[in-house]
Structure formats: structure tokens, C-alpha cells
């Protein structure tokens, strides 16, 4: 025995499907986009540029990741090396440090990023290698967003003294 749908039942089914489609399309069940996703993406891009420009000894690009009035601090565990620099001093010191290095790699991993309005903190493990030298530790950064751009305002290296591999 075959059962046939009445025109009324068919019309009711079509209306239910249409209402469901319209409800989902107009914001029913779709999750709201994460407002920080774009900020996190921009911050990670900045940190990627920092590590790449350092590794490639591209000092103009490296300088571009920093706010013009940024400061850099260095504190190596078990060492007397504790210094603070204005950004221009640090770039100059970095150029001198790396000038004879053939191969430089500075990788920032395990990034923990916290964003609060136009400020952000980044804590990342770093792994530095250059011509048989190795150093590991943490970078701690404070970023500021000005003019729609994230820039490093403060960077502190904390880690072990450089050692030969």
C-alpha cells in the first residue's frame, strides 16, 4: 500500500526546510568568529618576521619588527652578562656579533600569546645556533599596536650562556 502526501503536507515540509535554511544562514547555529584570531595571526606573522630576519641577518627587516623606542634586555643564567640596550644599540651589537657567522638559526617555538586591547605579551622558547654554537632559553616580549601595526616594544632574552656544540 502506497501512501501519498497531501498538497498541504508537502507545502508544510517545504516551509520547514526553508525556515531551517534561513535560520542557519542568518546566524542560527554558525559559531561567531573569534575577534582575536586576526590579532593572533598578525602577532605570529611579526614573530615569524623577527626570527627570519635575525636568521638571515636582514637588519632592516629586523629593525622593522620593533617600535622605534624599544628596549632589549639580556640575562644569561649563571653568567655576568646582563645588559639593556635601546633598539639601535642592540641592532648594532647584533650586527657585530653575527658579522663573521656563516650560518645563523634563531627559532622561536612554543609561543604563548596574550592580547589585551592594543597590548600583547609573547613568551616563547628560543633555540639559537650559529657556526657550531648553541644557546637556548626564553624570549619575553611586550608588543604594542599603534597605527594598526603590532611592534615589539620590549624584548628580554633569558637563557643559558652560548656553548660550543
N, C-alpha and C. Protein backbone atom coordinates (compact mmCIF):
# COMPACT_ATOMS: atom_id res chain seq x y z
N UNK A 1 0.84 -1.16 0.00
CA UNK A 1 0.00 0.00 0.00
C UNK A 1 0.89 1.24 0.00
N UNK A 2 0.67 2.13 -0.89
CA UNK A 2 1.43 3.37 -1.04
C UNK A 2 0.68 4.50 -0.38
N UNK A 3 1.45 5.32 0.33
CA UNK A 3 0.82 6.46 0.98
C UNK A 3 1.25 7.71 0.24
N UNK A 4 0.32 8.56 -0.04
CA UNK A 4 0.60 9.78 -0.77
C UNK A 4 0.54 10.96 0.17
N UNK A 5 1.43 11.93 -0.06
CA UNK A 5 1.41 13.17 0.71
C UNK A 5 0.37 14.10 0.12
N UNK A 6 -0.34 14.72 0.99
CA UNK A 6 -1.29 15.72 0.51
C UNK A 6 -0.52 16.98 0.15
N UNK A 7 -1.12 17.83 -0.63
CA UNK A 7 -0.51 19.09 -1.01
C UNK A 7 -0.18 19.91 0.23
N UNK A 8 -1.06 19.89 1.23
CA UNK A 8 -0.87 20.62 2.47
C UNK A 8 0.36 20.11 3.22
N UNK A 9 0.54 18.78 3.32
CA UNK A 9 1.69 18.19 3.99
C UNK A 9 2.99 18.51 3.25
N UNK A 10 2.93 18.47 1.93
CA UNK A 10 4.10 18.80 1.13
C UNK A 10 4.49 20.26 1.31
N UNK A 11 3.52 21.15 1.30
CA UNK A 11 3.77 22.58 1.50
C UNK A 11 4.35 22.82 2.90
N UNK A 12 3.82 22.14 3.91
CA UNK A 12 4.33 22.28 5.28
C UNK A 12 5.78 21.80 5.38
N UNK A 13 6.15 20.71 4.71
CA UNK A 13 7.52 20.19 4.72
C UNK A 13 8.47 21.17 4.05
N UNK A 14 8.05 21.74 2.93
CA UNK A 14 8.88 22.73 2.21
C UNK A 14 9.09 23.95 3.09
N UNK A 15 8.07 24.43 3.78
CA UNK A 15 8.20 25.59 4.66
C UNK A 15 9.17 25.30 5.82
N UNK A 16 9.10 24.12 6.40
CA UNK A 16 10.00 23.75 7.50
C UNK A 16 11.45 23.74 7.03
N UNK A 17 11.71 23.17 5.85
CA UNK A 17 13.06 23.14 5.31
C UNK A 17 13.55 24.56 5.03
N UNK A 18 12.70 25.40 4.45
CA UNK A 18 13.07 26.79 4.15
C UNK A 18 13.39 27.56 5.42
N UNK A 19 12.59 27.39 6.46
CA UNK A 19 12.82 28.09 7.73
C UNK A 19 14.14 27.64 8.35
N UNK A 20 14.42 26.36 8.28
CA UNK A 20 15.68 25.84 8.81
C UNK A 20 16.88 26.42 8.07
N UNK A 21 16.80 26.45 6.74
CA UNK A 21 17.89 27.00 5.94
C UNK A 21 18.08 28.48 6.24
N UNK A 22 17.01 29.24 6.29
CA UNK A 22 17.10 30.68 6.56
C UNK A 22 17.64 30.91 7.97
N UNK A 23 17.20 30.15 8.93
CA UNK A 23 17.67 30.30 10.31
C UNK A 23 19.17 30.05 10.43
N UNK A 24 19.66 29.01 9.77
CA UNK A 24 21.10 28.71 9.83
C UNK A 24 21.90 29.76 9.08
N UNK A 25 21.38 30.24 7.97
CA UNK A 25 22.08 31.24 7.18
C UNK A 25 22.17 32.58 7.90
N UNK A 26 21.15 32.94 8.63
CA UNK A 26 21.13 34.25 9.28
C UNK A 26 21.70 34.22 10.69
N UNK A 27 22.49 33.27 11.02
CA UNK A 27 23.18 33.29 12.30
C UNK A 27 22.63 32.31 13.30
N UNK A 28 21.90 31.35 12.87
CA UNK A 28 21.35 30.38 13.79
C UNK A 28 22.42 29.58 14.50
N UNK A 29 23.06 28.64 13.82
CA UNK A 29 23.96 27.74 14.51
C UNK A 29 25.43 27.95 14.18
N UNK A 30 25.74 28.87 13.28
CA UNK A 30 27.14 29.08 12.93
C UNK A 30 27.86 29.78 14.09
N UNK A 31 29.05 29.31 14.47
CA UNK A 31 29.77 29.96 15.57
C UNK A 31 30.25 31.35 15.16
N UNK A 32 30.26 32.23 16.13
CA UNK A 32 30.74 33.59 15.88
C UNK A 32 32.25 33.55 15.66
N UNK A 33 32.76 34.38 14.75
CA UNK A 33 34.21 34.38 14.54
C UNK A 33 34.93 34.90 15.78
N UNK A 34 36.10 34.36 16.04
CA UNK A 34 36.91 34.77 17.19
C UNK A 34 37.52 36.14 16.89
N UNK A 35 37.19 37.16 17.69
CA UNK A 35 37.71 38.50 17.40
C UNK A 35 39.23 38.60 17.55
N UNK A 36 39.85 37.69 18.30
CA UNK A 36 41.30 37.73 18.48
C UNK A 36 42.07 36.95 17.42
N UNK A 37 41.36 36.18 16.60
CA UNK A 37 42.05 35.35 15.61
C UNK A 37 42.92 36.19 14.69
N UNK A 38 42.41 37.31 14.22
CA UNK A 38 43.18 38.18 13.35
C UNK A 38 44.37 38.78 14.06
N UNK A 39 44.20 39.13 15.34
CA UNK A 39 45.31 39.70 16.12
C UNK A 39 46.40 38.65 16.33
N UNK A 40 46.01 37.44 16.67
CA UNK A 40 46.98 36.37 16.88
C UNK A 40 47.75 36.06 15.60
N UNK A 41 47.04 36.08 14.49
CA UNK A 41 47.68 35.84 13.20
C UNK A 41 48.71 36.94 12.90
N UNK A 42 48.34 38.19 13.15
CA UNK A 42 49.25 39.31 12.90
C UNK A 42 50.47 39.25 13.83
N UNK A 43 50.24 38.89 15.09
CA UNK A 43 51.35 38.78 16.04
C UNK A 43 52.30 37.64 15.65
N UNK A 44 51.75 36.50 15.29
CA UNK A 44 52.59 35.38 14.84
C UNK A 44 53.38 35.75 13.59
N UNK A 45 52.77 36.51 12.69
CA UNK A 45 53.48 36.96 11.48
C UNK A 45 54.64 37.88 11.86
N UNK A 46 54.43 38.76 12.84
CA UNK A 46 55.50 39.64 13.32
C UNK A 46 56.65 38.82 13.91
N UNK A 47 56.32 37.82 14.73
CA UNK A 47 57.35 36.99 15.36
C UNK A 47 58.08 36.16 14.29
N UNK A 48 57.34 35.68 13.31
CA UNK A 48 57.98 34.96 12.19
C UNK A 48 58.98 35.87 11.47
N UNK A 49 58.58 37.12 11.23
CA UNK A 49 59.48 38.08 10.57
C UNK A 49 60.70 38.34 11.43
N UNK A 50 60.49 38.47 12.74
CA UNK A 50 61.62 38.67 13.67
C UNK A 50 62.62 37.52 13.54
N UNK A 51 62.15 36.27 13.66
CA UNK A 51 63.09 35.14 13.65
C UNK A 51 63.73 34.96 12.28
N UNK A 52 62.99 35.19 11.21
CA UNK A 52 63.55 35.04 9.87
C UNK A 52 64.59 36.12 9.58
N UNK A 53 64.27 37.36 9.91
CA UNK A 53 65.21 38.45 9.62
C UNK A 53 66.48 38.31 10.47
N UNK A 54 66.35 37.85 11.71
CA UNK A 54 67.53 37.60 12.55
C UNK A 54 68.38 36.50 11.92
N UNK A 55 67.74 35.39 11.55
CA UNK A 55 68.46 34.25 10.99
C UNK A 55 69.13 34.60 9.66
N UNK A 56 68.51 35.48 8.89
CA UNK A 56 69.06 35.86 7.58
C UNK A 56 69.94 37.10 7.65
N UNK A 57 70.14 37.61 8.86
CA UNK A 57 70.94 38.82 9.08
C UNK A 57 70.42 39.99 8.24
N UNK A 58 69.10 40.09 8.16
CA UNK A 58 68.44 41.20 7.45
C UNK A 58 68.08 42.25 8.50
N UNK A 59 69.01 43.15 8.78
CA UNK A 59 68.87 44.07 9.90
C UNK A 59 67.80 45.14 9.67
N UNK A 60 67.55 45.51 8.43
CA UNK A 60 66.47 46.47 8.15
C UNK A 60 65.12 45.85 8.49
N UNK A 61 64.92 44.60 8.08
CA UNK A 61 63.66 43.91 8.40
C UNK A 61 63.55 43.66 9.90
N UNK A 62 64.67 43.31 10.53
CA UNK A 62 64.67 43.08 11.97
C UNK A 62 64.28 44.36 12.71
N UNK A 63 64.88 45.47 12.33
CA UNK A 63 64.56 46.76 12.95
C UNK A 63 63.08 47.09 12.75
N UNK A 64 62.53 46.71 11.61
CA UNK A 64 61.13 46.98 11.31
C UNK A 64 60.14 46.26 12.20
N UNK A 65 60.59 45.22 12.91
CA UNK A 65 59.69 44.50 13.81
C UNK A 65 59.56 45.21 15.16
N UNK A 66 60.41 46.20 15.41
CA UNK A 66 60.44 46.89 16.69
C UNK A 66 59.82 48.28 16.62
N UNK A 67 59.26 48.71 17.73
CA UNK A 67 58.85 50.10 17.93
C UNK A 67 60.14 50.92 17.95
N UNK A 68 60.13 52.16 17.41
CA UNK A 68 61.37 52.96 17.37
C UNK A 68 62.01 53.23 18.74
N UNK A 69 61.23 53.16 19.81
CA UNK A 69 61.78 53.42 21.15
C UNK A 69 61.86 52.14 21.99
N UNK A 70 61.96 51.00 21.33
CA UNK A 70 62.01 49.71 22.02
C UNK A 70 63.31 49.54 22.80
N UNK A 71 63.23 48.64 23.78
CA UNK A 71 64.39 48.26 24.58
C UNK A 71 64.57 46.75 24.52
N UNK A 72 65.83 46.32 24.65
CA UNK A 72 66.14 44.90 24.66
C UNK A 72 66.97 44.62 25.91
N UNK A 73 66.61 43.57 26.63
CA UNK A 73 67.35 43.15 27.81
C UNK A 73 67.89 41.75 27.62
N UNK A 74 69.07 41.50 28.16
CA UNK A 74 69.70 40.19 28.06
C UNK A 74 70.09 39.75 29.45
N UNK A 75 69.72 38.53 29.81
CA UNK A 75 70.07 37.96 31.11
C UNK A 75 70.35 36.48 30.92
N UNK A 76 71.62 36.10 30.94
CA UNK A 76 72.01 34.71 30.77
C UNK A 76 72.23 34.07 32.14
N UNK A 77 71.57 32.97 32.37
CA UNK A 77 71.69 32.26 33.65
C UNK A 77 73.14 31.85 33.90
N UNK A 78 73.57 32.01 35.14
CA UNK A 78 74.91 31.59 35.52
C UNK A 78 76.01 32.40 34.86
N UNK A 79 75.68 33.62 34.45
CA UNK A 79 76.66 34.45 33.75
C UNK A 79 76.62 35.87 34.28
N UNK A 80 77.66 36.59 33.98
CA UNK A 80 77.67 38.01 34.36
C UNK A 80 77.10 38.88 33.25
N UNK A 81 76.63 38.26 32.17
CA UNK A 81 76.08 39.03 31.05
C UNK A 81 74.64 39.43 31.37
N UNK A 82 74.49 40.66 31.76
CA UNK A 82 73.17 41.24 31.99
C UNK A 82 73.24 42.65 31.42
N UNK A 83 72.51 42.89 30.37
CA UNK A 83 72.60 44.16 29.67
C UNK A 83 71.23 44.63 29.23
N UNK A 84 71.12 45.93 29.06
CA UNK A 84 69.94 46.51 28.42
C UNK A 84 70.42 47.44 27.32
N UNK A 85 69.66 47.47 26.24
CA UNK A 85 70.01 48.27 25.08
C UNK A 85 68.77 49.01 24.57
N UNK A 86 69.00 50.17 24.00
CA UNK A 86 67.97 50.76 23.14
C UNK A 86 68.04 50.00 21.83
N UNK A 87 66.98 50.02 21.06
CA UNK A 87 66.91 49.16 19.88
C UNK A 87 68.06 49.41 18.91
N UNK A 88 68.43 50.65 18.65
CA UNK A 88 69.52 50.91 17.71
C UNK A 88 70.84 50.33 18.20
N UNK A 89 71.09 50.42 19.51
CA UNK A 89 72.31 49.84 20.09
C UNK A 89 72.32 48.32 19.92
N UNK A 90 71.15 47.70 20.16
CA UNK A 90 71.07 46.25 20.06
C UNK A 90 71.26 45.77 18.63
N UNK A 91 70.67 46.48 17.67
CA UNK A 91 70.85 46.11 16.26
C UNK A 91 72.34 46.18 15.89
N UNK A 92 73.00 47.25 16.31
CA UNK A 92 74.44 47.40 16.03
C UNK A 92 75.24 46.28 16.69
N UNK A 93 74.93 45.97 17.95
CA UNK A 93 75.63 44.88 18.66
C UNK A 93 75.36 43.54 17.99
N UNK A 94 74.15 43.33 17.51
CA UNK A 94 73.80 42.08 16.82
C UNK A 94 74.56 41.96 15.51
N UNK A 95 74.66 43.06 14.77
CA UNK A 95 75.44 43.04 13.52
C UNK A 95 76.89 42.64 13.80
N UNK A 96 77.47 43.19 14.86
CA UNK A 96 78.85 42.86 15.22
C UNK A 96 78.97 41.39 15.64
N UNK A 97 78.01 40.92 16.42
CA UNK A 97 78.03 39.54 16.90
C UNK A 97 77.95 38.53 15.75
N UNK A 98 77.12 38.85 14.75
CA UNK A 98 76.85 37.89 13.67
C UNK A 98 77.67 38.11 12.40
N UNK A 99 78.49 39.15 12.35
CA UNK A 99 79.14 39.52 11.09
C UNK A 99 80.00 38.39 10.50
N UNK A 100 80.65 37.60 11.33
CA UNK A 100 81.51 36.53 10.82
C UNK A 100 80.83 35.16 10.82
N UNK A 101 79.58 35.12 11.19
CA UNK A 101 78.85 33.84 11.24
C UNK A 101 78.36 33.49 9.83
N UNK A 102 78.64 32.27 9.41
CA UNK A 102 78.19 31.82 8.09
C UNK A 102 76.75 31.35 8.14
N UNK A 103 76.38 30.70 9.22
CA UNK A 103 75.05 30.11 9.32
C UNK A 103 74.43 30.49 10.66
N UNK A 104 73.27 31.12 10.61
CA UNK A 104 72.57 31.55 11.83
C UNK A 104 71.15 31.02 11.78
N UNK A 105 70.71 30.46 12.88
CA UNK A 105 69.33 29.99 13.00
C UNK A 105 68.80 30.40 14.37
N UNK A 106 67.70 31.11 14.38
CA UNK A 106 67.05 31.54 15.62
C UNK A 106 65.59 31.17 15.51
N UNK A 107 65.18 30.13 16.20
CA UNK A 107 63.82 29.62 16.10
C UNK A 107 63.08 29.90 17.41
N UNK A 108 61.90 30.49 17.29
CA UNK A 108 61.04 30.75 18.45
C UNK A 108 59.86 29.79 18.39
N UNK A 109 59.75 28.94 19.39
CA UNK A 109 58.69 27.92 19.41
C UNK A 109 57.90 28.00 20.71
N UNK A 110 56.87 27.19 20.79
CA UNK A 110 56.01 27.14 21.99
C UNK A 110 55.57 28.54 22.41
N UNK A 111 55.06 29.29 21.46
CA UNK A 111 54.67 30.67 21.71
C UNK A 111 53.39 30.74 22.54
N UNK A 112 53.45 31.49 23.60
CA UNK A 112 52.25 31.78 24.41
C UNK A 112 51.96 33.26 24.23
N UNK A 113 50.81 33.55 23.63
CA UNK A 113 50.45 34.93 23.31
C UNK A 113 49.21 35.32 24.08
N UNK A 114 49.28 36.47 24.74
CA UNK A 114 48.13 37.03 25.45
C UNK A 114 47.91 38.44 24.89
N UNK A 115 46.67 38.71 24.51
CA UNK A 115 46.33 40.01 23.94
C UNK A 115 45.36 40.73 24.87
N UNK A 116 45.65 41.99 25.14
CA UNK A 116 44.73 42.83 25.89
C UNK A 116 44.67 44.18 25.18
N UNK A 117 43.59 44.37 24.46
CA UNK A 117 43.38 45.59 23.66
C UNK A 117 44.55 45.81 22.71
N UNK A 118 45.31 46.90 22.90
CA UNK A 118 46.41 47.17 21.97
C UNK A 118 47.77 46.75 22.53
N UNK A 119 47.75 45.91 23.56
CA UNK A 119 48.98 45.36 24.14
C UNK A 119 48.95 43.84 24.05
N UNK A 120 50.12 43.26 23.93
CA UNK A 120 50.21 41.80 23.92
C UNK A 120 51.52 41.38 24.56
N UNK A 121 51.50 40.20 25.14
CA UNK A 121 52.73 39.59 25.63
C UNK A 121 52.97 38.31 24.84
N UNK A 122 54.23 38.04 24.60
CA UNK A 122 54.62 36.80 23.92
C UNK A 122 55.75 36.19 24.75
N UNK A 123 55.57 34.94 25.13
CA UNK A 123 56.63 34.17 25.78
C UNK A 123 56.90 32.99 24.86
N UNK A 124 58.15 32.84 24.46
CA UNK A 124 58.49 31.78 23.51
C UNK A 124 59.84 31.18 23.87
N UNK A 125 59.98 29.90 23.62
CA UNK A 125 61.28 29.25 23.74
C UNK A 125 62.10 29.64 22.51
N UNK A 126 63.39 29.94 22.72
CA UNK A 126 64.23 30.18 21.55
C UNK A 126 65.35 29.17 21.51
N UNK A 127 65.76 28.88 20.29
CA UNK A 127 66.85 27.95 20.04
C UNK A 127 67.74 28.61 19.00
N UNK A 128 68.90 29.05 19.43
CA UNK A 128 69.84 29.77 18.59
C UNK A 128 71.02 28.87 18.25
N UNK A 129 71.36 28.84 16.97
CA UNK A 129 72.53 28.09 16.52
C UNK A 129 73.27 28.96 15.49
N UNK A 130 74.60 28.96 15.62
CA UNK A 130 75.42 29.70 14.66
C UNK A 130 76.82 29.10 14.65
N UNK A 131 77.21 28.53 13.52
CA UNK A 131 78.56 28.02 13.32
C UNK A 131 79.07 27.19 14.51
N UNK A 132 78.31 26.21 14.92
CA UNK A 132 78.75 25.32 15.99
C UNK A 132 78.44 25.81 17.39
N UNK A 133 77.88 26.99 17.52
CA UNK A 133 77.47 27.49 18.84
C UNK A 133 75.98 27.21 19.02
N UNK A 134 75.60 27.04 20.28
CA UNK A 134 74.20 26.76 20.57
C UNK A 134 73.79 27.47 21.84
N UNK A 135 72.58 27.96 21.85
CA UNK A 135 72.03 28.60 23.04
C UNK A 135 70.52 28.39 23.03
N UNK A 136 69.96 28.18 24.20
CA UNK A 136 68.51 28.02 24.32
C UNK A 136 68.03 28.81 25.53
N UNK A 137 66.79 29.19 25.50
CA UNK A 137 66.21 29.93 26.61
C UNK A 137 64.82 30.41 26.25
N UNK A 138 64.45 31.55 26.81
CA UNK A 138 63.14 32.12 26.53
C UNK A 138 63.27 33.58 26.12
N UNK A 139 62.42 33.96 25.18
CA UNK A 139 62.23 35.36 24.82
C UNK A 139 60.91 35.79 25.44
N UNK A 140 60.93 36.94 26.06
CA UNK A 140 59.71 37.51 26.63
C UNK A 140 59.54 38.87 25.97
N UNK A 141 58.41 39.06 25.30
CA UNK A 141 58.18 40.28 24.53
C UNK A 141 56.91 40.98 25.00
N UNK A 142 56.97 42.29 24.95
CA UNK A 142 55.77 43.11 25.11
C UNK A 142 55.58 43.80 23.78
N UNK A 143 54.40 43.64 23.20
CA UNK A 143 54.08 44.24 21.92
C UNK A 143 53.04 45.33 22.12
N UNK A 144 53.08 46.32 21.25
CA UNK A 144 52.10 47.39 21.27
C UNK A 144 51.57 47.55 19.84
N UNK A 145 50.28 47.80 19.73
CA UNK A 145 49.68 48.02 18.42
C UNK A 145 49.40 49.51 18.27
N UNK A 146 50.11 50.13 17.35
CA UNK A 146 49.94 51.56 17.10
C UNK A 146 49.79 51.75 15.60
N UNK A 147 48.83 52.58 15.21
CA UNK A 147 48.62 52.80 13.78
C UNK A 147 48.24 51.53 13.05
N UNK A 148 47.58 50.60 13.76
CA UNK A 148 47.14 49.36 13.15
C UNK A 148 48.22 48.30 12.98
N UNK A 149 49.43 48.56 13.49
CA UNK A 149 50.55 47.63 13.34
C UNK A 149 51.06 47.18 14.70
N UNK A 150 51.32 45.87 14.84
CA UNK A 150 51.95 45.35 16.04
C UNK A 150 53.46 45.54 15.92
N UNK A 151 54.10 46.01 17.00
CA UNK A 151 55.54 46.18 17.05
C UNK A 151 56.05 45.69 18.40
N UNK A 152 57.28 45.21 18.43
CA UNK A 152 57.90 44.78 19.68
C UNK A 152 58.34 46.04 20.42
N UNK A 153 57.86 46.22 21.62
CA UNK A 153 58.21 47.38 22.44
C UNK A 153 59.30 47.04 23.45
N UNK A 154 59.32 45.78 23.88
CA UNK A 154 60.32 45.33 24.83
C UNK A 154 60.61 43.85 24.57
N UNK A 155 61.88 43.52 24.59
CA UNK A 155 62.30 42.13 24.40
C UNK A 155 63.33 41.80 25.46
N UNK A 156 63.12 40.70 26.17
CA UNK A 156 64.11 40.22 27.14
C UNK A 156 64.47 38.79 26.77
N UNK A 157 65.77 38.55 26.57
CA UNK A 157 66.30 37.21 26.36
C UNK A 157 66.70 36.69 27.72
N UNK A 158 66.26 35.51 28.04
CA UNK A 158 66.70 34.85 29.26
C UNK A 158 67.10 33.44 28.88
N UNK A 159 68.35 33.08 29.15
CA UNK A 159 68.75 31.74 28.77
C UNK A 159 70.11 31.36 29.25
N UNK A 160 70.58 30.26 28.73
CA UNK A 160 71.89 29.73 29.07
C UNK A 160 72.94 30.47 28.27
N UNK A 161 74.16 30.56 28.80
CA UNK A 161 75.25 31.17 28.02
C UNK A 161 75.48 30.36 26.75
N UNK A 162 76.03 31.01 25.71
CA UNK A 162 76.35 30.32 24.46
C UNK A 162 77.38 29.23 24.76
N UNK A 163 77.17 28.07 24.14
CA UNK A 163 78.13 26.99 24.30
C UNK A 163 78.48 26.40 22.92
N UNK A 164 79.60 25.81 22.83
CA UNK A 164 80.04 25.18 21.57
C UNK A 164 79.39 23.83 21.46
N UNK A 165 78.92 23.52 20.25
CA UNK A 165 78.27 22.21 20.02
C UNK A 165 79.30 21.12 19.86
